[in-house]
Amino acid sequence: MKDDASVVFAYYKDGATNPTFLYFSHGLKEIKC
């Protein structure tokens, strides 16, 4: 996944120690594993 031309937001939910990331799908390709 290349995210160099995408907008990514990260935020912390209440009481969480790990951030939650939001990727806008306009610049991402779907990959099936």
C-alpha atoms as a PDB file:
ATOM      1  CA  MET A   1       0.000   0.000   0.000  1.00  0.00           C
ATOM      2  CA  LYS A   2       1.410   3.350  -0.991  1.00  0.00           C
ATOM      3  CA  ASP A   3       0.177   6.184   1.192  1.00  0.00           C
ATOM      4  CA  ASP A   4       2.561   8.915   0.033  1.00  0.00           C
ATOM      5  CA  ALA A   5      -0.213  10.721  -1.892  1.00  0.00           C
ATOM      6  CA  SER A   6      -3.093   9.988   0.468  1.00  0.00           C
ATOM      7  CA  VAL A   7      -4.574  11.753   3.454  1.00  0.00           C
ATOM      8  CA  VAL A   8      -4.322   9.800   6.678  1.00  0.00           C
ATOM      9  CA  PHE A   9      -5.804  10.917   9.987  1.00  0.00           C
ATOM     10  CA  ALA A  10      -4.842   9.423  13.335  1.00  0.00           C
ATOM     11  CA  TYR A  11      -6.681   9.984  16.593  1.00  0.00           C
ATOM     12  CA  TYR A  12      -6.953   8.422  20.021  1.00  0.00           C
ATOM     13  CA  LYS A  13     -10.302   7.113  21.222  1.00  0.00           C
ATOM     14  CA  ASP A  14     -11.204   7.806  24.851  1.00  0.00           C
ATOM     15  CA  GLY A  15      -8.828   5.854  27.085  1.00  0.00           C
ATOM     16  CA  ALA A  16      -7.035   4.097  24.214  1.00  0.00           C
ATOM     17  CA  THR A  17      -3.263   3.707  24.200  1.00  0.00           C
ATOM     18  CA  ASN A  18      -3.047   2.956  20.462  1.00  0.00           C
ATOM     19  CA  PRO A  19      -4.176   5.420  17.777  1.00  0.00           C
ATOM     20  CA  THR A  20      -6.933   4.744  15.254  1.00  0.00           C
ATOM     21  CA  PHE A  21      -5.994   5.544  11.645  1.00  0.00           C
ATOM     22  CA  LEU A  22      -8.408   6.719   8.950  1.00  0.00           C
ATOM     23  CA  TYR A  23      -7.296   6.245   5.323  1.00  0.00           C
ATOM     24  CA  PHE A  24      -9.287   7.852   2.543  1.00  0.00           C
ATOM     25  CA  SER A  25      -9.888   5.176  -0.090  1.00  0.00           C
ATOM     26  CA  HIS A  26      -9.388   7.437  -3.115  1.00  0.00           C
ATOM     27  CA  GLY A  27      -5.674   6.639  -3.279  1.00  0.00           C
ATOM     28  CA  LEU A  28      -5.681   3.027  -2.082  1.00  0.00           C
ATOM     29  CA  LYS A  29      -5.893  -0.218  -4.048  1.00  0.00           C
ATOM     30  CA  GLU A  30      -7.713  -3.201  -2.601  1.00  0.00           C
ATOM     31  CA  ILE A  31      -5.476  -6.223  -2.071  1.00  0.00           C
ATOM     32  CA  LYS A  32      -6.893  -9.658  -1.296  1.00  0.00           C
ATOM     33  CA  CYS A  33      -4.701 -11.812   0.906  1.00  0.00           C
END
